[in-house]
Amino acid sequence: MGDLTMDFLRLMLMAAMLLTSLQGQAADAATAPAPTTHEVEFLRSADKACTDCHKEQAYGMHGKHGQATNPNNLAPVICTNCHGQPSPKHREGVKDVMRFSDSFNNKQSIESYPIAEQNGVCMSCHEPGPLREALWAHDVHATRLTCTSCHQLHPAKEPMVGIPEKSRIKLCVDCHSKLHEAVKAAKANTTPGKEAP
């Protein structure tokens, strides 16, 4: 046989081998199980780094925040959603995460974390409209008091939820009486020509 015939036979043999190989791969693919997707589950709580030191929260948040879904990412609410990401120096006492306080009874607390910043964290999930509908006082107080002056963040039962109307009125009277007393005391301590401290 000539060289041309040999080349032709080699080419046909290679084509037959390639075809057989492709048919085998197709058959393997048809019988192979369909690929599965795997959901990633964390082996530890996303809050574990926080609760290792903050033992009072070791069993998680209580109340509504403990069962809430973050409307911004549709995941469960975790410590860093509200407090932010701590720096590597956090364990050394650096104040690098949001701390919430009662601005009515602790005026110094808003020096490091101003009212607008604290309430801004709350407002990232809680919209003003529903708050206003729940109680008109939210609008009046939102720029002057921190939300945590009235509300607790991690309680088993939030004392402000479902509070009877008489109790709401008593809260208004109690707080505003304290405010009026503080103003009176400041005026009494002022001598003519000087301002209150």
N, C-alpha and C. Protein backbone atom coordinates (compact mmCIF):
# COMPACT_ATOMS: atom_id res chain seq x y z
N MET A 1 0.83 -1.16 0.00
CA MET A 1 0.00 0.00 0.00
C MET A 1 0.88 1.22 0.00
N GLY A 2 0.27 2.21 -0.58
CA GLY A 2 1.03 3.44 -0.70
C GLY A 2 0.94 4.28 0.55
N ASP A 3 1.82 5.29 0.61
CA ASP A 3 1.84 6.20 1.76
C ASP A 3 0.51 6.92 1.94
N LEU A 4 -0.12 7.25 0.84
CA LEU A 4 -1.38 7.97 0.91
C LEU A 4 -2.46 7.10 1.54
N THR A 5 -2.49 5.84 1.19
CA THR A 5 -3.47 4.91 1.74
C THR A 5 -3.22 4.71 3.23
N MET A 6 -1.96 4.58 3.64
CA MET A 6 -1.61 4.41 5.06
C MET A 6 -2.03 5.64 5.87
N ASP A 7 -1.78 6.81 5.32
CA ASP A 7 -2.18 8.05 6.02
C ASP A 7 -3.70 8.09 6.18
N PHE A 8 -4.41 7.67 5.14
CA PHE A 8 -5.86 7.68 5.18
C PHE A 8 -6.37 6.71 6.24
N LEU A 9 -5.79 5.51 6.33
CA LEU A 9 -6.20 4.52 7.32
C LEU A 9 -5.92 5.00 8.75
N ARG A 10 -4.74 5.64 8.93
CA ARG A 10 -4.41 6.21 10.27
C ARG A 10 -5.45 7.26 10.67
N LEU A 11 -5.80 8.11 9.74
CA LEU A 11 -6.77 9.16 10.00
C LEU A 11 -8.13 8.57 10.35
N MET A 12 -8.56 7.55 9.63
CA MET A 12 -9.84 6.90 9.91
C MET A 12 -9.81 6.21 11.28
N LEU A 13 -8.70 5.58 11.63
CA LEU A 13 -8.56 4.92 12.92
C LEU A 13 -8.64 5.94 14.06
N MET A 14 -7.98 7.08 13.89
CA MET A 14 -8.00 8.14 14.92
C MET A 14 -9.42 8.71 15.07
N ALA A 15 -10.12 8.86 13.94
CA ALA A 15 -11.49 9.38 13.98
C ALA A 15 -12.40 8.39 14.70
N ALA A 16 -12.23 7.11 14.44
CA ALA A 16 -13.04 6.07 15.10
C ALA A 16 -12.78 6.06 16.60
N MET A 17 -11.51 6.21 17.00
CA MET A 17 -11.15 6.23 18.43
C MET A 17 -11.75 7.48 19.11
N LEU A 18 -11.70 8.61 18.44
CA LEU A 18 -12.26 9.85 18.98
C LEU A 18 -13.77 9.72 19.14
N LEU A 19 -14.42 9.18 18.14
CA LEU A 19 -15.87 9.00 18.19
C LEU A 19 -16.25 8.06 19.33
N THR A 20 -15.53 6.96 19.48
CA THR A 20 -15.79 6.01 20.57
C THR A 20 -15.61 6.69 21.92
N SER A 21 -14.58 7.49 22.05
CA SER A 21 -14.31 8.20 23.29
C SER A 21 -15.44 9.18 23.62
N LEU A 22 -15.89 9.93 22.64
CA LEU A 22 -16.97 10.90 22.85
C LEU A 22 -18.27 10.21 23.22
N GLN A 23 -18.54 9.05 22.58
CA GLN A 23 -19.75 8.31 22.91
C GLN A 23 -19.69 7.80 24.35
N GLY A 24 -18.52 7.37 24.77
CA GLY A 24 -18.34 6.89 26.15
C GLY A 24 -18.55 8.01 27.16
N GLN A 25 -18.03 9.18 26.85
CA GLN A 25 -18.20 10.32 27.76
C GLN A 25 -19.67 10.72 27.86
N ALA A 26 -20.37 10.68 26.73
CA ALA A 26 -21.79 11.04 26.74
C ALA A 26 -22.58 10.03 27.57
N ALA A 27 -22.24 8.75 27.45
CA ALA A 27 -22.94 7.72 28.21
C ALA A 27 -22.66 7.89 29.71
N ASP A 28 -21.39 8.22 30.06
CA ASP A 28 -21.05 8.45 31.47
C ASP A 28 -21.83 9.63 32.03
N ALA A 29 -21.96 10.69 31.25
CA ALA A 29 -22.68 11.88 31.70
C ALA A 29 -24.15 11.58 31.91
N ALA A 30 -24.72 10.73 31.07
CA ALA A 30 -26.14 10.40 31.18
C ALA A 30 -26.42 9.58 32.42
N THR A 31 -25.47 8.73 32.82
CA THR A 31 -25.69 7.88 33.99
C THR A 31 -25.15 8.48 35.27
N ALA A 32 -24.39 9.56 35.18
CA ALA A 32 -23.82 10.19 36.38
C ALA A 32 -24.92 10.91 37.15
N PRO A 33 -24.83 10.92 38.48
CA PRO A 33 -25.84 11.63 39.27
C PRO A 33 -25.75 13.14 39.00
N ALA A 34 -26.91 13.79 39.10
CA ALA A 34 -26.94 15.23 38.87
C ALA A 34 -26.15 15.94 39.96
N PRO A 35 -25.45 16.99 39.61
CA PRO A 35 -24.69 17.71 40.63
C PRO A 35 -25.63 18.28 41.68
N THR A 36 -25.20 18.25 42.92
CA THR A 36 -26.04 18.76 44.01
C THR A 36 -25.46 20.07 44.52
N THR A 37 -26.33 20.87 45.11
CA THR A 37 -25.86 22.11 45.74
C THR A 37 -25.82 21.88 47.24
N HIS A 38 -24.90 22.53 47.88
CA HIS A 38 -24.74 22.37 49.32
C HIS A 38 -24.93 23.72 49.98
N GLU A 39 -25.75 23.72 51.03
CA GLU A 39 -25.88 24.94 51.81
C GLU A 39 -24.78 24.94 52.84
N VAL A 40 -24.17 26.10 52.98
CA VAL A 40 -23.10 26.23 53.96
C VAL A 40 -23.73 26.52 55.31
N GLU A 41 -23.41 25.72 56.28
CA GLU A 41 -23.88 25.96 57.64
C GLU A 41 -22.66 26.24 58.50
N PHE A 42 -22.75 27.32 59.27
CA PHE A 42 -21.63 27.67 60.12
C PHE A 42 -21.58 26.70 61.31
N LEU A 43 -20.38 26.34 61.68
CA LEU A 43 -20.22 25.42 62.80
C LEU A 43 -20.40 26.12 64.13
N ARG A 44 -20.33 27.44 64.12
CA ARG A 44 -20.52 28.19 65.35
C ARG A 44 -21.38 29.40 65.06
N SER A 45 -21.90 29.96 66.10
CA SER A 45 -22.76 31.13 65.97
C SER A 45 -21.94 32.31 65.47
N ALA A 46 -22.57 33.14 64.65
CA ALA A 46 -21.89 34.35 64.17
C ALA A 46 -21.58 35.29 65.33
N ASP A 47 -22.28 35.13 66.44
CA ASP A 47 -22.07 35.98 67.61
C ASP A 47 -21.07 35.41 68.61
N LYS A 48 -20.50 34.24 68.32
CA LYS A 48 -19.63 33.57 69.30
C LYS A 48 -18.46 34.43 69.75
N ALA A 49 -17.84 35.15 68.83
CA ALA A 49 -16.71 35.99 69.23
C ALA A 49 -17.15 37.04 70.24
N CYS A 50 -18.39 37.49 70.15
CA CYS A 50 -18.91 38.49 71.09
C CYS A 50 -19.26 37.84 72.43
N THR A 51 -20.00 36.72 72.35
CA THR A 51 -20.48 36.10 73.59
C THR A 51 -19.39 35.39 74.38
N ASP A 52 -18.22 35.17 73.78
CA ASP A 52 -17.10 34.62 74.56
C ASP A 52 -16.75 35.54 75.72
N CYS A 53 -16.86 36.84 75.51
CA CYS A 53 -16.55 37.82 76.56
C CYS A 53 -17.82 38.38 77.21
N HIS A 54 -18.82 38.66 76.41
CA HIS A 54 -20.06 39.23 76.93
C HIS A 54 -20.97 38.08 77.35
N LYS A 55 -20.65 37.50 78.49
CA LYS A 55 -21.31 36.28 78.97
C LYS A 55 -22.80 36.48 79.19
N GLU A 56 -23.23 37.70 79.54
CA GLU A 56 -24.65 37.93 79.79
C GLU A 56 -25.50 37.71 78.54
N GLN A 57 -24.85 37.68 77.37
CA GLN A 57 -25.57 37.44 76.12
C GLN A 57 -25.25 36.05 75.55
N ALA A 58 -24.64 35.20 76.36
CA ALA A 58 -24.19 33.90 75.87
C ALA A 58 -25.31 33.04 75.31
N TYR A 59 -26.52 33.23 75.79
CA TYR A 59 -27.63 32.43 75.28
C TYR A 59 -28.40 33.17 74.21
N GLY A 60 -27.81 34.21 73.67
CA GLY A 60 -28.42 34.95 72.58
C GLY A 60 -29.30 36.08 73.06
N MET A 61 -29.78 36.83 72.11
CA MET A 61 -30.65 37.94 72.45
C MET A 61 -32.03 37.43 72.80
N HIS A 62 -32.64 38.08 73.75
CA HIS A 62 -34.00 37.75 74.11
C HIS A 62 -34.93 38.69 73.36
N GLY A 63 -36.21 38.46 73.51
CA GLY A 63 -37.19 39.38 72.97
C GLY A 63 -37.23 39.41 71.45
N LYS A 64 -37.82 40.48 70.93
CA LYS A 64 -38.06 40.59 69.49
C LYS A 64 -36.78 40.60 68.67
N HIS A 65 -35.73 41.25 69.15
CA HIS A 65 -34.50 41.29 68.37
C HIS A 65 -33.88 39.90 68.22
N GLY A 66 -34.11 39.04 69.20
CA GLY A 66 -33.56 37.69 69.15
C GLY A 66 -34.19 36.82 68.07
N GLN A 67 -35.44 37.12 67.70
CA GLN A 67 -36.11 36.33 66.67
C GLN A 67 -36.28 37.12 65.37
N ALA A 68 -35.72 38.32 65.32
CA ALA A 68 -35.95 39.21 64.17
C ALA A 68 -35.10 38.82 62.96
N THR A 69 -35.60 39.22 61.81
CA THR A 69 -34.86 39.10 60.56
C THR A 69 -34.44 40.50 60.17
N ASN A 70 -33.19 40.67 59.85
CA ASN A 70 -32.68 41.97 59.43
C ASN A 70 -33.28 42.31 58.07
N PRO A 71 -34.07 43.39 57.96
CA PRO A 71 -34.70 43.70 56.67
C PRO A 71 -33.70 44.10 55.59
N ASN A 72 -32.48 44.41 55.98
CA ASN A 72 -31.47 44.83 55.01
C ASN A 72 -30.80 43.67 54.29
N ASN A 73 -30.71 42.49 54.97
CA ASN A 73 -30.07 41.34 54.32
C ASN A 73 -30.87 40.04 54.47
N LEU A 74 -32.04 40.13 55.11
CA LEU A 74 -32.96 39.00 55.32
C LEU A 74 -32.33 37.84 56.09
N ALA A 75 -31.29 38.12 56.84
CA ALA A 75 -30.65 37.12 57.69
C ALA A 75 -31.03 37.41 59.14
N PRO A 76 -30.81 36.46 60.05
CA PRO A 76 -31.10 36.74 61.45
C PRO A 76 -30.26 37.91 61.96
N VAL A 77 -30.81 38.64 62.92
CA VAL A 77 -30.08 39.76 63.51
C VAL A 77 -28.95 39.20 64.38
N ILE A 78 -27.76 39.73 64.19
CA ILE A 78 -26.61 39.33 65.00
C ILE A 78 -25.99 40.58 65.63
N CYS A 79 -25.10 40.40 66.56
CA CYS A 79 -24.50 41.51 67.32
C CYS A 79 -23.98 42.63 66.42
N THR A 80 -23.25 42.26 65.39
CA THR A 80 -22.59 43.28 64.56
C THR A 80 -23.56 44.09 63.72
N ASN A 81 -24.82 43.62 63.55
CA ASN A 81 -25.79 44.42 62.82
C ASN A 81 -26.03 45.75 63.52
N CYS A 82 -26.05 45.74 64.83
CA CYS A 82 -26.33 46.95 65.60
C CYS A 82 -25.07 47.58 66.17
N HIS A 83 -24.14 46.77 66.62
CA HIS A 83 -22.96 47.29 67.30
C HIS A 83 -21.79 47.57 66.36
N GLY A 84 -21.80 47.02 65.16
CA GLY A 84 -20.71 47.22 64.22
C GLY A 84 -19.59 46.22 64.44
N GLN A 85 -18.57 46.29 63.59
CA GLN A 85 -17.45 45.36 63.65
C GLN A 85 -16.40 45.88 64.63
N PRO A 86 -16.04 45.09 65.62
CA PRO A 86 -14.98 45.52 66.54
C PRO A 86 -13.61 45.45 65.88
N SER A 87 -12.72 46.32 66.32
CA SER A 87 -11.35 46.31 65.81
C SER A 87 -10.54 45.26 66.57
N PRO A 88 -9.33 44.96 66.11
CA PRO A 88 -8.48 44.01 66.85
C PRO A 88 -8.18 44.48 68.28
N LYS A 89 -8.28 45.77 68.54
CA LYS A 89 -7.97 46.30 69.87
C LYS A 89 -9.21 46.34 70.78
N HIS A 90 -10.33 45.82 70.31
CA HIS A 90 -11.56 45.86 71.09
C HIS A 90 -11.41 45.19 72.45
N ARG A 91 -10.73 44.05 72.47
CA ARG A 91 -10.56 43.32 73.73
C ARG A 91 -9.68 44.06 74.73
N GLU A 92 -8.97 45.08 74.24
CA GLU A 92 -8.14 45.89 75.14
C GLU A 92 -8.92 47.08 75.68
N GLY A 93 -10.20 47.16 75.37
CA GLY A 93 -11.03 48.23 75.92
C GLY A 93 -11.27 49.41 75.00
N VAL A 94 -10.80 49.33 73.77
CA VAL A 94 -11.02 50.42 72.82
C VAL A 94 -12.51 50.52 72.53
N LYS A 95 -13.06 51.73 72.60
CA LYS A 95 -14.49 51.93 72.35
C LYS A 95 -14.69 52.08 70.84
N ASP A 96 -14.84 50.94 70.18
CA ASP A 96 -14.92 50.94 68.72
C ASP A 96 -16.22 50.37 68.19
N VAL A 97 -17.14 50.01 69.07
CA VAL A 97 -18.44 49.51 68.63
C VAL A 97 -19.52 50.40 69.25
N MET A 98 -20.67 50.43 68.60
CA MET A 98 -21.76 51.27 69.08
C MET A 98 -22.24 50.77 70.44
N ARG A 99 -22.38 51.72 71.34
CA ARG A 99 -22.93 51.42 72.66
C ARG A 99 -24.19 52.26 72.82
N PHE A 100 -25.22 51.64 73.29
CA PHE A 100 -26.51 52.32 73.43
C PHE A 100 -26.72 52.70 74.88
N SER A 101 -27.33 53.87 75.08
CA SER A 101 -27.46 54.37 76.45
C SER A 101 -28.78 55.10 76.65
N ASP A 102 -29.06 55.37 77.90
CA ASP A 102 -30.23 56.17 78.30
C ASP A 102 -29.77 57.63 78.34
N SER A 103 -30.04 58.36 77.30
CA SER A 103 -29.56 59.74 77.21
C SER A 103 -30.29 60.67 78.16
N PHE A 104 -31.44 60.27 78.65
CA PHE A 104 -32.18 61.12 79.59
C PHE A 104 -31.51 61.12 80.96
N ASN A 105 -31.11 59.94 81.43
CA ASN A 105 -30.52 59.82 82.76
C ASN A 105 -29.00 59.81 82.76
N ASN A 106 -28.37 59.71 81.59
CA ASN A 106 -26.92 59.65 81.52
C ASN A 106 -26.43 60.56 80.40
N LYS A 107 -26.37 61.84 80.68
CA LYS A 107 -26.01 62.84 79.65
C LYS A 107 -24.61 62.63 79.10
N GLN A 108 -23.67 62.14 79.92
CA GLN A 108 -22.30 61.94 79.46
C GLN A 108 -22.21 60.84 78.40
N SER A 109 -23.18 59.92 78.41
CA SER A 109 -23.12 58.79 77.49
C SER A 109 -23.22 59.21 76.03
N ILE A 110 -23.79 60.38 75.77
CA ILE A 110 -23.96 60.79 74.37
C ILE A 110 -22.77 61.58 73.84
N GLU A 111 -21.74 61.77 74.67
CA GLU A 111 -20.54 62.44 74.19
C GLU A 111 -19.79 61.55 73.19
N SER A 112 -19.64 60.28 73.52
CA SER A 112 -18.95 59.34 72.62
C SER A 112 -19.86 58.84 71.50
N TYR A 113 -21.12 58.67 71.83
CA TYR A 113 -22.08 58.13 70.87
C TYR A 113 -23.30 59.04 70.85
N PRO A 114 -23.28 60.07 70.00
CA PRO A 114 -24.38 61.05 69.96
C PRO A 114 -25.74 60.41 69.67
N ILE A 115 -26.77 61.10 70.08
CA ILE A 115 -28.15 60.62 69.91
C ILE A 115 -28.43 60.24 68.46
N ALA A 116 -28.05 61.09 67.53
CA ALA A 116 -28.33 60.81 66.11
C ALA A 116 -27.66 59.52 65.64
N GLU A 117 -26.44 59.25 66.11
CA GLU A 117 -25.75 58.02 65.72
C GLU A 117 -26.43 56.79 66.31
N GLN A 118 -26.76 56.86 67.61
CA GLN A 118 -27.42 55.73 68.25
C GLN A 118 -28.77 55.45 67.59
N ASN A 119 -29.57 56.48 67.41
CA ASN A 119 -30.90 56.29 66.83
C ASN A 119 -30.81 55.92 65.34
N GLY A 120 -29.74 56.35 64.67
CA GLY A 120 -29.54 55.99 63.27
C GLY A 120 -29.41 54.49 63.10
N VAL A 121 -28.79 53.83 64.06
CA VAL A 121 -28.67 52.37 64.00
C VAL A 121 -30.06 51.75 64.09
N CYS A 122 -30.87 52.24 65.01
CA CYS A 122 -32.24 51.72 65.17
C CYS A 122 -33.05 51.96 63.89
N MET A 123 -32.89 53.16 63.32
CA MET A 123 -33.67 53.53 62.14
C MET A 123 -33.21 52.80 60.88
N SER A 124 -32.09 52.10 60.94
CA SER A 124 -31.68 51.32 59.77
C SER A 124 -32.62 50.13 59.57
N CYS A 125 -33.35 49.74 60.60
CA CYS A 125 -34.36 48.67 60.48
C CYS A 125 -35.77 49.18 60.76
N HIS A 126 -35.92 50.01 61.78
CA HIS A 126 -37.23 50.50 62.19
C HIS A 126 -37.57 51.77 61.43
N GLU A 127 -38.57 51.71 60.59
CA GLU A 127 -38.93 52.87 59.77
C GLU A 127 -39.80 53.84 60.56
N PRO A 128 -39.63 55.15 60.32
CA PRO A 128 -40.39 56.17 61.07
C PRO A 128 -41.90 56.04 60.96
N GLY A 129 -42.43 55.69 59.79
CA GLY A 129 -43.88 55.61 59.60
C GLY A 129 -44.56 54.68 60.59
N PRO A 130 -44.16 53.41 60.65
CA PRO A 130 -44.79 52.50 61.61
C PRO A 130 -44.58 52.92 63.07
N LEU A 131 -43.43 53.53 63.37
CA LEU A 131 -43.20 54.00 64.74
C LEU A 131 -44.18 55.12 65.08
N ARG A 132 -44.37 56.03 64.14
CA ARG A 132 -45.29 57.15 64.33
C ARG A 132 -46.71 56.62 64.54
N GLU A 133 -47.08 55.59 63.77
CA GLU A 133 -48.42 55.01 63.91
C GLU A 133 -48.58 54.31 65.26
N ALA A 134 -47.51 53.71 65.75
CA ALA A 134 -47.57 53.01 67.03
C ALA A 134 -47.75 54.00 68.18
N LEU A 135 -47.06 55.13 68.11
CA LEU A 135 -47.16 56.15 69.15
C LEU A 135 -46.58 57.45 68.62
N TRP A 136 -47.36 58.51 68.71
CA TRP A 136 -46.95 59.81 68.20
C TRP A 136 -45.67 60.31 68.87
N ALA A 137 -45.40 59.89 70.08
CA ALA A 137 -44.23 60.40 70.83
C ALA A 137 -42.90 60.03 70.18
N HIS A 138 -42.89 59.02 69.31
CA HIS A 138 -41.64 58.67 68.62
C HIS A 138 -41.10 59.85 67.84
N ASP A 139 -41.97 60.56 67.11
CA ASP A 139 -41.52 61.73 66.34
C ASP A 139 -40.96 62.82 67.24
N VAL A 140 -41.65 63.09 68.32
CA VAL A 140 -41.29 64.19 69.21
C VAL A 140 -39.95 63.94 69.88
N HIS A 141 -39.69 62.71 70.25
CA HIS A 141 -38.50 62.42 71.06
C HIS A 141 -37.29 61.93 70.26
N ALA A 142 -37.46 61.54 69.02
CA ALA A 142 -36.39 60.88 68.25
C ALA A 142 -35.14 61.73 68.08
N THR A 143 -35.25 63.04 68.13
CA THR A 143 -34.07 63.89 67.97
C THR A 143 -33.49 64.35 69.31
N ARG A 144 -34.21 64.09 70.40
CA ARG A 144 -33.76 64.59 71.71
C ARG A 144 -33.36 63.50 72.69
N LEU A 145 -33.85 62.30 72.45
CA LEU A 145 -33.53 61.17 73.32
C LEU A 145 -33.13 59.97 72.49
N THR A 146 -32.27 59.14 73.05
CA THR A 146 -31.95 57.88 72.37
C THR A 146 -33.14 56.95 72.49
N CYS A 147 -33.29 56.07 71.53
CA CYS A 147 -34.37 55.08 71.59
C CYS A 147 -34.27 54.27 72.88
N THR A 148 -33.03 54.01 73.31
CA THR A 148 -32.80 53.18 74.50
C THR A 148 -33.05 53.94 75.80
N SER A 149 -33.46 55.19 75.72
CA SER A 149 -33.92 55.88 76.91
C SER A 149 -35.26 55.30 77.35
N CYS A 150 -36.01 54.77 76.41
CA CYS A 150 -37.31 54.17 76.70
C CYS A 150 -37.34 52.66 76.45
N HIS A 151 -36.62 52.21 75.44
CA HIS A 151 -36.68 50.80 75.05
C HIS A 151 -35.43 50.05 75.47
N GLN A 152 -35.60 48.77 75.75
CA GLN A 152 -34.47 47.90 76.06
C GLN A 152 -34.17 47.06 74.83
N LEU A 153 -32.91 46.70 74.64
CA LEU A 153 -32.52 45.99 73.43
C LEU A 153 -32.59 44.47 73.52
N HIS A 154 -32.22 43.91 74.65
CA HIS A 154 -32.11 42.45 74.76
C HIS A 154 -33.04 41.85 75.82
N PRO A 155 -34.17 42.45 76.15
CA PRO A 155 -34.96 41.92 77.26
C PRO A 155 -35.77 40.69 76.87
N ALA A 156 -36.11 39.89 77.87
CA ALA A 156 -37.02 38.76 77.61
C ALA A 156 -38.38 39.32 77.22
N LYS A 157 -38.77 40.43 77.84
CA LYS A 157 -40.03 41.10 77.49
C LYS A 157 -39.77 42.60 77.44
N GLU A 158 -40.05 43.20 76.31
CA GLU A 158 -39.88 44.65 76.14
C GLU A 158 -40.97 45.35 76.94
N PRO A 159 -40.60 46.12 77.96
CA PRO A 159 -41.62 46.74 78.82
C PRO A 159 -42.50 47.76 78.12
N MET A 160 -42.09 48.29 76.99
CA MET A 160 -42.90 49.30 76.32
C MET A 160 -43.93 48.70 75.37
N VAL A 161 -43.79 47.45 75.02
CA VAL A 161 -44.74 46.82 74.10
C VAL A 161 -46.00 46.43 74.86
N GLY A 162 -47.13 46.86 74.36
CA GLY A 162 -48.41 46.51 74.98
C GLY A 162 -48.69 47.24 76.27
N ILE A 163 -48.00 48.35 76.50
CA ILE A 163 -48.20 49.10 77.73
C ILE A 163 -49.58 49.78 77.70
N PRO A 164 -50.35 49.69 78.78
CA PRO A 164 -51.69 50.31 78.80
C PRO A 164 -51.61 51.84 78.69
N GLU A 165 -52.67 52.44 78.22
CA GLU A 165 -52.72 53.89 78.00
C GLU A 165 -52.41 54.68 79.28
N LYS A 166 -52.94 54.25 80.42
CA LYS A 166 -52.69 54.96 81.69
C LYS A 166 -51.19 54.94 82.03
N SER A 167 -50.56 53.82 81.76
CA SER A 167 -49.12 53.71 82.04
C SER A 167 -48.32 54.62 81.11
N ARG A 168 -48.75 54.74 79.85
CA ARG A 168 -48.08 55.66 78.92
C ARG A 168 -48.16 57.09 79.44
N ILE A 169 -49.35 57.46 79.89
CA ILE A 169 -49.53 58.83 80.41
C ILE A 169 -48.64 59.04 81.63
N LYS A 170 -48.56 58.03 82.50
CA LYS A 170 -47.70 58.14 83.69
C LYS A 170 -46.24 58.31 83.28
N LEU A 171 -45.80 57.59 82.25
CA LEU A 171 -44.42 57.75 81.77
C LEU A 171 -44.18 59.19 81.32
N CYS A 172 -45.12 59.73 80.57
CA CYS A 172 -44.98 61.12 80.11
C CYS A 172 -44.86 62.06 81.30
N VAL A 173 -45.77 61.92 82.27
CA VAL A 173 -45.79 62.80 83.44
C VAL A 173 -44.50 62.64 84.24
N ASP A 174 -44.08 61.40 84.48
CA ASP A 174 -42.86 61.16 85.27
C ASP A 174 -41.64 61.80 84.61
N CYS A 175 -41.45 61.53 83.30
CA CYS A 175 -40.27 62.07 82.62
C CYS A 175 -40.31 63.59 82.55
N HIS A 176 -41.45 64.13 82.20
CA HIS A 176 -41.53 65.58 82.07
C HIS A 176 -41.47 66.28 83.43
N SER A 177 -41.91 65.63 84.50
CA SER A 177 -41.76 66.19 85.85
C SER A 177 -40.28 66.28 86.20
N LYS A 178 -39.53 65.21 85.91
CA LYS A 178 -38.08 65.22 86.16
C LYS A 178 -37.41 66.32 85.35
N LEU A 179 -37.82 66.47 84.10
CA LEU A 179 -37.25 67.50 83.24
C LEU A 179 -37.53 68.89 83.80
N HIS A 180 -38.77 69.14 84.24
CA HIS A 180 -39.12 70.45 84.81
C HIS A 180 -38.36 70.71 86.10
N GLU A 181 -38.19 69.68 86.92
CA GLU A 181 -37.42 69.83 88.16
C GLU A 181 -35.96 70.18 87.85
N ALA A 182 -35.40 69.53 86.84
CA ALA A 182 -34.01 69.80 86.45
C ALA A 182 -33.87 71.24 85.95
N VAL A 183 -34.83 71.71 85.18
CA VAL A 183 -34.79 73.09 84.68
C VAL A 183 -34.90 74.07 85.85
N LYS A 184 -35.80 73.80 86.79
CA LYS A 184 -35.96 74.66 87.97
C LYS A 184 -34.67 74.72 88.78
N ALA A 185 -34.06 73.56 88.98
CA ALA A 185 -32.82 73.50 89.76
C ALA A 185 -31.72 74.28 89.06
N ALA A 186 -31.65 74.17 87.75
CA ALA A 186 -30.63 74.90 86.99
C ALA A 186 -30.84 76.40 87.11
N LYS A 187 -32.10 76.83 87.06
CA LYS A 187 -32.40 78.26 87.20
C LYS A 187 -32.09 78.75 88.60
N ALA A 188 -32.34 77.93 89.61
CA ALA A 188 -32.08 78.31 91.00
C ALA A 188 -30.59 78.45 91.25
N ASN A 189 -29.77 77.67 90.55
CA ASN A 189 -28.32 77.72 90.73
C ASN A 189 -27.67 78.83 89.92
N THR A 190 -28.46 79.53 89.12
CA THR A 190 -27.92 80.59 88.28
C THR A 190 -28.02 81.92 89.03
N THR A 191 -26.91 82.57 89.10
CA THR A 191 -26.94 83.91 89.71
C THR A 191 -27.10 84.94 88.59
N PRO A 192 -27.61 86.11 88.88
CA PRO A 192 -27.79 87.10 87.82
C PRO A 192 -26.49 87.35 87.06
N GLY A 193 -26.60 87.34 85.73
CA GLY A 193 -25.44 87.58 84.88
C GLY A 193 -24.67 86.33 84.51
N LYS A 194 -25.00 85.17 85.13
CA LYS A 194 -24.32 83.91 84.82
C LYS A 194 -25.34 82.93 84.24
N GLU A 195 -24.84 82.05 83.43
CA GLU A 195 -25.71 81.02 82.88
C GLU A 195 -25.56 79.76 83.70
N ALA A 196 -26.58 78.91 83.63
CA ALA A 196 -26.53 77.62 84.33
C ALA A 196 -25.42 76.76 83.74
N PRO A 197 -24.79 75.90 84.57
CA PRO A 197 -23.71 75.04 84.06
C PRO A 197 -24.20 74.06 83.05
